[in-house]
Amino acid sequence: MKFMSEYRDPELAKKYLEEIKRTVSRPWSIMEVCGGQTHSLVKNGIIEMLPKEISMVHGPGCPVCVTPLYLIDKAVHLALDKNVILCSFGDMLRVPGSQKSLLEAKAEGGDVRILYSPLEAVKIAEDNPDKEVVFFAVGFETTAPANALSVIHAYKRGLKNYSILASHVLVPPVIENVLEDVDSHIDGFLAAGHVCTIMGNFEYYPLVEKYKVPIVVTGFEPLDVLQGILMVVRQLEQNKSEVENQYSRIVKEEGNLNAQEIIFEIFEVTDRLWRGMEVIPMSGYSVKEKYKDFDADKKFNITIKEAEENQDCIAGEIMKGIKKPFECPEFGKKCKPSNPLGAPMVSSEGACAAYYHFSGLVER
């Protein structure tokens, strides 16, 4: 397959659906880890077309959604109180903090800039030597190489006015956290293909061995997701638990070794708080001591504590797959993209946003 349209071929999609229906013999719960996969499922109506035995459970794979409340507050604090140029990917701007979002901070006069790459932030720092520039480094393993590379570039250029506010989270530890949760009942997983493009598949073998669940590394187009579901169902029906790679056109077993080298030059693995969830051991990246001058947390000695989540938001239960967005009493009522109670409603990969925009469950 060479062209985008081939990954959306309705006739081939129909064949996959028919094969899934022929293969399944009992109920199975399958979690798609990544929010991009959730949007593909909902936007293309795949959930409604699957046989009733297949329950798709939406996972915590939206890095914007799981960024802790206090880190949003820290970014707002930097923009308004420390007079820095605060740079970020666009999907972070409307995520609510405990008091306000970065977009509201921008409206109040904060110098908040939307960028496509952290390397742009390095250039801004170079062009503004009298200003501190901070890049809000959010994401899973996928965005870690570029964020790490920005530190390497700043270090090599001798820039003293550049730093990152790191909020990187890792996929395998959160899968294990879901499996350990007594309220989660997942039979198999669709793993995020873009993460495995960077990190490879080796981290999933211990999970499969320990928990006896199939994990299929999957892409994001409709046919990717359907083929991934079929591969999981085949394993479940045959009582198998293996790591399989549906996204083989992109993902290699060892991943991208150059990208991994860049990541581990700058970052080390650490415990990380996940918004709406809890602290998950060894589930994030923090900046190494060698590069502490580029760690905004240490550079500005930020001591903002974790604030309480909005009591009306059930984002944690949604991201663990315990509940669906439409099971939230405030879905489409108090909580809308124009007034989000939590990050899953405003993030471009959030499950609540997917259901709000594409499911037809909300009256316009």
Protein backbone atom coordinates (compact mmCIF):
# COMPACT_ATOMS: atom_id res chain seq x y z
CA MET A 1 0.00 0.00 0.00
CA LYS A 2 1.49 3.31 -1.09
CA PHE A 3 -1.31 5.84 -0.93
CA MET A 4 -3.53 7.10 1.89
CA SER A 5 -6.75 6.08 0.16
CA GLU A 6 -5.67 2.44 0.25
CA TYR A 7 -5.67 2.47 4.05
CA ARG A 8 -9.31 3.62 3.92
CA ASP A 9 -10.63 1.23 1.26
CA PRO A 10 -14.27 0.48 2.25
CA GLU A 11 -14.32 -2.88 0.44
CA LEU A 12 -11.24 -4.10 2.27
CA ALA A 13 -12.65 -2.75 5.53
CA LYS A 14 -15.81 -4.79 4.89
CA LYS A 15 -13.71 -7.93 4.40
CA TYR A 16 -11.88 -7.37 7.68
CA LEU A 17 -15.19 -6.86 9.49
CA GLU A 18 -16.59 -10.05 7.99
CA GLU A 19 -13.48 -11.97 9.03
CA ILE A 20 -13.72 -10.61 12.58
CA LYS A 21 -17.37 -11.72 12.74
CA ARG A 22 -16.45 -15.20 11.49
CA THR A 23 -13.60 -15.51 13.98
CA VAL A 24 -15.14 -14.25 17.24
CA SER A 25 -17.09 -16.76 19.34
CA ARG A 26 -17.38 -15.05 22.72
CA PRO A 27 -17.14 -11.57 24.29
CA TRP A 28 -13.72 -9.90 24.34
CA SER A 29 -12.59 -6.50 25.65
CA ILE A 30 -9.80 -4.90 23.62
CA MET A 31 -8.12 -1.66 24.65
CA GLU A 32 -6.71 0.63 22.00
CA VAL A 33 -4.01 2.47 23.94
CA CYS A 34 -3.61 5.55 21.75
CA GLY A 35 -6.06 8.42 21.40
CA GLY A 36 -5.31 8.54 17.69
CA GLN A 37 -6.67 5.01 17.39
CA THR A 38 -9.73 6.01 19.43
CA HIS A 39 -10.48 8.84 17.02
CA SER A 40 -10.10 6.48 14.06
CA LEU A 41 -12.54 4.04 15.64
CA VAL A 42 -15.16 6.66 16.49
CA LYS A 43 -14.79 8.96 13.48
CA ASN A 44 -15.09 6.11 10.99
CA GLY A 45 -17.96 4.38 12.79
CA ILE A 46 -15.92 1.21 13.33
CA ILE A 47 -17.22 0.65 16.86
CA GLU A 48 -20.80 0.41 15.59
CA MET A 49 -19.79 -2.00 12.80
CA LEU A 50 -17.92 -4.46 15.01
CA PRO A 51 -19.79 -7.56 16.21
CA LYS A 52 -21.47 -7.15 19.60
CA GLU A 53 -18.96 -9.57 21.15
CA ILE A 54 -16.14 -7.04 20.65
CA SER A 55 -15.99 -4.24 23.21
CA MET A 56 -13.42 -1.55 22.40
CA VAL A 57 -12.07 0.07 25.53
CA HIS A 58 -10.41 3.47 25.24
CA GLY A 59 -7.04 3.74 26.94
CA PRO A 60 -4.79 6.40 28.49
CA GLY A 61 -2.74 7.04 25.34
CA CYS A 62 -3.37 10.78 25.09
CA PRO A 63 -0.29 12.57 26.46
CA VAL A 64 -2.12 15.90 26.67
CA CYS A 65 -4.90 14.26 28.69
CA VAL A 66 -2.58 12.72 31.26
CA THR A 67 -0.38 15.79 31.81
CA PRO A 68 -0.81 16.56 35.53
CA LEU A 69 -2.76 19.58 36.63
CA TYR A 70 0.22 21.07 38.48
CA LEU A 71 2.34 21.01 35.32
CA ILE A 72 -0.28 23.09 33.50
CA ASP A 73 -0.18 25.42 36.50
CA LYS A 74 3.62 25.56 36.29
CA ALA A 75 3.48 26.48 32.61
CA VAL A 76 0.93 29.23 33.36
CA HIS A 77 3.13 30.44 36.23
CA LEU A 78 6.15 30.68 33.94
CA ALA A 79 4.20 32.60 31.29
CA LEU A 80 2.62 35.10 33.66
CA ASP A 81 4.90 35.40 36.69
CA LYS A 82 8.36 34.68 35.30
CA ASN A 83 7.93 36.68 32.10
CA VAL A 84 9.31 33.92 29.89
CA ILE A 85 8.47 33.14 26.29
CA LEU A 86 6.46 29.97 26.85
CA CYS A 87 6.37 27.74 23.76
CA SER A 88 4.11 24.74 23.28
CA PHE A 89 2.39 22.47 20.82
CA GLY A 90 -1.04 23.86 20.06
CA ASP A 91 -3.08 21.09 21.68
CA MET A 92 -1.83 22.09 25.15
CA LEU A 93 -3.18 25.63 25.09
CA ARG A 94 -6.81 24.96 26.00
CA VAL A 95 -6.19 22.20 28.54
CA PRO A 96 -7.55 23.51 31.85
CA GLY A 97 -5.24 23.99 34.80
CA SER A 98 -6.53 24.47 38.34
CA GLN A 99 -7.19 28.17 37.70
CA LYS A 100 -6.70 28.82 33.99
CA SER A 101 -5.34 27.44 30.73
CA LEU A 102 -2.34 28.61 28.74
CA LEU A 103 -4.73 30.22 26.28
CA GLU A 104 -6.19 32.29 29.10
CA ALA A 105 -2.66 33.14 30.24
CA LYS A 106 -1.94 34.34 26.71
CA ALA A 107 -5.10 36.48 26.77
CA GLU A 108 -3.85 38.06 29.99
CA GLY A 109 -0.62 39.13 28.32
CA GLY A 110 1.62 36.10 28.68
CA ASP A 111 3.99 35.51 25.77
CA VAL A 112 2.67 32.06 24.85
CA ARG A 113 3.59 30.79 21.39
CA ILE A 114 2.35 27.78 19.43
CA LEU A 115 5.11 25.91 17.63
CA TYR A 116 5.33 22.84 15.41
CA SER A 117 8.76 21.81 16.68
CA PRO A 118 10.86 22.41 19.82
CA LEU A 119 13.75 23.28 17.52
CA GLU A 120 11.81 26.46 16.68
CA ALA A 121 11.97 27.33 20.37
CA VAL A 122 15.77 27.02 20.29
CA LYS A 123 15.83 29.52 17.41
CA ILE A 124 13.59 31.87 19.38
CA ALA A 125 16.02 31.65 22.31
CA GLU A 126 18.91 32.39 19.98
CA ASP A 127 17.09 35.42 18.55
CA ASN A 128 16.05 36.73 21.98
CA PRO A 129 19.14 36.46 24.21
CA ASP A 130 17.61 38.82 26.79
CA LYS A 131 14.56 36.59 27.34
CA GLU A 132 14.14 33.16 28.91
CA VAL A 133 12.49 30.69 26.55
CA VAL A 134 10.76 27.55 27.86
CA PHE A 135 9.35 24.77 25.72
CA PHE A 136 6.54 22.74 27.31
CA ALA A 137 7.87 19.27 26.43
CA VAL A 138 4.81 17.02 26.52
CA GLY A 139 4.32 13.62 24.95
CA PHE A 140 4.94 9.91 24.94
CA GLU A 141 8.16 8.37 23.65
CA THR A 142 7.18 9.64 20.21
CA THR A 143 8.01 13.31 20.85
CA ALA A 144 10.89 12.67 23.25
CA PRO A 145 13.64 12.59 20.57
CA ALA A 146 12.79 16.04 19.20
CA ASN A 147 12.47 17.53 22.68
CA ALA A 148 15.80 15.97 23.69
CA LEU A 149 17.40 17.18 20.47
CA SER A 150 16.36 20.75 21.27
CA VAL A 151 18.37 20.53 24.50
CA ILE A 152 21.36 19.12 22.63
CA HIS A 153 21.22 21.99 20.12
CA ALA A 154 20.88 24.59 22.87
CA TYR A 155 23.77 22.99 24.79
CA LYS A 156 26.04 22.95 21.74
CA ARG A 157 25.18 26.57 20.91
CA GLY A 158 25.91 27.66 24.47
CA LEU A 159 22.43 29.08 24.99
CA LYS A 160 21.82 29.95 28.64
CA ASN A 161 18.25 31.14 28.13
CA TYR A 162 16.61 27.94 26.90
CA SER A 163 14.99 25.18 28.96
CA ILE A 164 12.18 22.62 28.78
CA LEU A 165 9.35 21.87 31.17
CA ALA A 166 9.34 18.09 30.80
CA SER A 167 6.14 16.06 31.03
CA HIS A 168 7.04 12.87 29.17
CA VAL A 169 5.15 9.67 29.94
CA LEU A 170 5.81 6.07 28.86
CA VAL A 171 3.36 3.53 27.45
CA PRO A 172 4.44 0.09 28.80
CA PRO A 173 4.20 1.11 32.49
CA VAL A 174 0.67 2.47 32.06
CA ILE A 175 -0.42 -0.73 30.28
CA GLU A 176 0.84 -2.66 33.31
CA ASN A 177 -0.96 -0.22 35.61
CA VAL A 178 -4.23 -0.87 33.74
CA LEU A 179 -3.69 -4.63 33.95
CA GLU A 180 -3.09 -4.40 37.70
CA ASP A 181 -6.25 -2.37 38.30
CA VAL A 182 -9.00 -4.59 39.72
CA ASP A 183 -11.66 -2.51 37.96
CA SER A 184 -10.11 -3.00 34.51
CA HIS A 185 -10.88 -6.17 32.61
CA ILE A 186 -8.89 -6.07 29.37
CA ASP A 187 -8.32 -9.17 27.25
CA GLY A 188 -5.96 -7.69 24.67
CA PHE A 189 -4.30 -4.47 23.52
CA LEU A 190 -3.71 -2.45 20.39
CA ALA A 191 -0.36 -0.79 21.12
CA ALA A 192 0.52 2.62 19.67
CA GLY A 193 2.47 2.27 16.44
CA HIS A 194 4.20 5.65 16.61
CA VAL A 195 5.64 4.89 20.07
CA CYS A 196 6.99 1.55 18.83
CA THR A 197 8.48 3.31 15.80
CA ILE A 198 10.83 4.95 18.27
CA MET A 199 11.19 2.31 21.00
CA GLY A 200 10.61 -0.96 19.15
CA ASN A 201 8.61 -3.89 20.50
CA PHE A 202 10.93 -5.40 23.11
CA GLU A 203 9.28 -3.66 26.11
CA TYR A 204 6.01 -5.51 25.45
CA TYR A 205 7.33 -9.07 25.67
CA PRO A 206 7.60 -9.06 29.49
CA LEU A 207 4.01 -7.78 29.74
CA VAL A 208 2.71 -10.51 27.45
CA GLU A 209 4.63 -13.15 29.39
CA LYS A 210 3.51 -11.91 32.81
CA TYR A 211 -0.16 -11.17 32.11
CA LYS A 212 -0.87 -13.59 29.22
CA VAL A 213 -2.56 -10.94 27.08
CA PRO A 214 -1.99 -10.40 23.34
CA ILE A 215 -0.52 -7.05 22.32
CA VAL A 216 -0.67 -6.03 18.66
CA VAL A 217 1.30 -2.98 17.55
CA THR A 218 -1.09 -1.11 15.29
CA GLY A 219 -1.26 1.95 13.05
CA PHE A 220 -3.98 4.58 12.98
CA GLU A 221 -5.85 4.37 9.70
CA PRO A 222 -9.18 2.48 9.61
CA LEU A 223 -7.67 -0.61 7.97
CA ASP A 224 -4.75 -0.58 10.42
CA VAL A 225 -7.13 -0.63 13.36
CA LEU A 226 -9.42 -3.27 11.85
CA GLN A 227 -6.52 -5.57 11.01
CA GLY A 228 -5.12 -5.05 14.51
CA ILE A 229 -8.45 -6.01 16.06
CA LEU A 230 -8.60 -9.12 13.88
CA MET A 231 -5.08 -10.11 14.94
CA VAL A 232 -5.96 -9.71 18.63
CA VAL A 233 -9.21 -11.68 18.23
CA ARG A 234 -7.42 -14.52 16.46
CA GLN A 235 -4.96 -14.80 19.34
CA LEU A 236 -7.70 -14.68 21.96
CA GLU A 237 -9.78 -17.31 20.20
CA GLN A 238 -6.72 -19.58 19.96
CA ASN A 239 -5.77 -18.93 23.61
CA LYS A 240 -2.51 -17.29 22.55
CA SER A 241 -0.69 -14.29 23.99
CA GLU A 242 2.01 -12.85 21.76
CA VAL A 243 3.44 -9.55 20.60
CA GLU A 244 2.51 -9.01 16.95
CA ASN A 245 3.37 -6.13 14.63
CA GLN A 246 0.55 -5.01 12.33
CA TYR A 247 2.40 -1.72 11.62
CA SER A 248 5.40 -3.45 10.06
CA ARG A 249 5.62 -0.91 7.24
CA ILE A 250 6.88 1.56 9.86
CA VAL A 251 7.80 -0.28 13.07
CA LYS A 252 10.99 -2.31 13.28
CA GLU A 253 11.62 -4.78 16.08
CA GLU A 254 14.49 -2.75 17.56
CA GLY A 255 12.86 0.64 16.90
CA ASN A 256 14.90 3.69 15.95
CA LEU A 257 18.25 3.28 17.66
CA ASN A 258 19.44 6.79 16.80
CA ALA A 259 16.33 8.30 18.37
CA GLN A 260 16.76 6.15 21.47
CA GLU A 261 20.36 7.32 21.82
CA ILE A 262 19.23 10.96 21.74
CA ILE A 263 16.50 10.31 24.32
CA PHE A 264 18.82 8.65 26.82
CA GLU A 265 21.50 11.30 26.37
CA ILE A 266 19.12 13.88 27.84
CA PHE A 267 16.49 11.96 29.83
CA GLU A 268 16.38 9.34 32.54
CA VAL A 269 13.40 7.24 33.57
CA THR A 270 11.51 8.44 36.64
CA ASP A 271 8.20 8.07 38.49
CA ARG A 272 5.45 10.21 36.98
CA LEU A 273 2.03 11.43 38.11
CA TRP A 274 -0.69 10.84 35.49
CA ARG A 275 -3.59 13.28 35.50
CA GLY A 276 -6.77 11.69 36.77
CA MET A 277 -4.85 8.57 37.79
CA GLU A 278 -1.92 8.27 40.18
CA VAL A 279 1.86 8.19 40.36
CA ILE A 280 3.01 5.28 38.20
CA PRO A 281 6.54 4.07 39.02
CA MET A 282 9.16 4.52 36.31
CA SER A 283 6.60 5.81 33.82
CA GLY A 284 8.16 9.08 32.66
CA TYR A 285 11.29 10.92 31.61
CA SER A 286 13.05 13.67 33.54
CA VAL A 287 16.06 15.74 32.50
CA LYS A 288 19.40 14.30 33.61
CA GLU A 289 21.53 16.14 36.14
CA LYS A 290 24.15 16.83 33.44
CA TYR A 291 21.63 19.04 31.66
CA LYS A 292 19.95 20.56 34.74
CA ASP A 293 20.51 24.08 33.38
CA PHE A 294 17.99 23.17 30.67
CA ASP A 295 15.41 21.83 33.13
CA ALA A 296 12.84 24.61 33.70
CA ASP A 297 11.64 22.97 36.91
CA LYS A 298 15.09 23.32 38.48
CA LYS A 299 16.08 26.51 36.71
CA PHE A 300 13.10 28.47 38.05
CA ASN A 301 12.76 26.45 41.27
CA ILE A 302 9.04 25.94 40.69
CA THR A 303 7.27 24.62 43.78
CA ILE A 304 3.61 24.60 42.71
CA LYS A 305 1.79 21.66 44.29
CA GLU A 306 -0.83 19.38 42.80
CA ALA A 307 -4.32 20.87 42.92
CA GLU A 308 -7.56 18.92 43.18
CA GLU A 309 -9.21 17.78 39.97
CA ASN A 310 -12.66 19.03 39.04
CA GLN A 311 -15.02 16.77 40.98
CA ASP A 312 -17.43 16.62 38.03
CA CYS A 313 -14.77 15.14 35.71
CA ILE A 314 -14.32 11.35 35.48
CA ALA A 315 -11.29 11.55 33.16
CA GLY A 316 -9.32 9.00 35.21
CA GLU A 317 -12.02 6.36 34.83
CA ILE A 318 -12.30 7.09 31.11
CA MET A 319 -8.55 6.86 30.51
CA LYS A 320 -8.35 3.56 32.38
CA GLY A 321 -11.16 2.18 30.26
CA ILE A 322 -13.50 1.76 33.21
CA LYS A 323 -16.10 4.12 31.71
CA LYS A 324 -16.95 5.54 28.27
CA PRO A 325 -17.25 9.32 27.71
CA PHE A 326 -21.04 9.19 27.31
CA GLU A 327 -21.29 7.59 30.77
CA CYS A 328 -20.13 10.86 32.34
CA PRO A 329 -23.15 12.81 33.65
CA GLU A 330 -21.64 16.07 32.37
CA PHE A 331 -20.71 14.86 28.86
CA GLY A 332 -22.08 17.35 26.32
CA LYS A 333 -23.69 19.36 29.12
CA LYS A 334 -21.35 21.15 31.49
CA CYS A 335 -18.40 19.61 29.65
CA LYS A 336 -17.98 20.66 26.01
CA PRO A 337 -14.94 21.60 23.90
CA SER A 338 -15.87 25.26 24.46
CA ASN A 339 -15.88 24.69 28.24
CA PRO A 340 -13.93 21.51 29.05
CA LEU A 341 -13.99 20.16 32.58
CA GLY A 342 -11.01 17.93 31.79
CA ALA A 343 -8.34 17.38 29.16
CA PRO A 344 -10.01 14.45 27.29
CA MET A 345 -12.70 16.85 26.02
CA VAL A 346 -10.29 19.39 24.55
CA SER A 347 -7.30 17.36 23.38
CA SER A 348 -7.18 16.40 19.70
CA GLU A 349 -6.58 12.81 20.89
CA GLY A 350 -9.02 12.83 23.81
CA ALA A 351 -11.72 10.16 23.93
CA CYS A 352 -14.36 12.66 25.09
CA ALA A 353 -13.58 14.96 22.16
CA ALA A 354 -13.86 12.01 19.74
CA TYR A 355 -17.32 11.09 21.03
CA TYR A 356 -18.46 14.72 21.15
CA HIS A 357 -17.50 15.44 17.55
CA PHE A 358 -18.11 12.13 15.79
CA SER A 359 -20.43 9.81 17.69
CA GLY A 360 -23.75 11.57 17.09
CA LEU A 361 -24.54 11.34 20.81
CA VAL A 362 -24.61 15.11 21.31
CA GLU A 363 -27.52 17.26 20.16
CA ARG A 364 -26.39 20.35 18.27
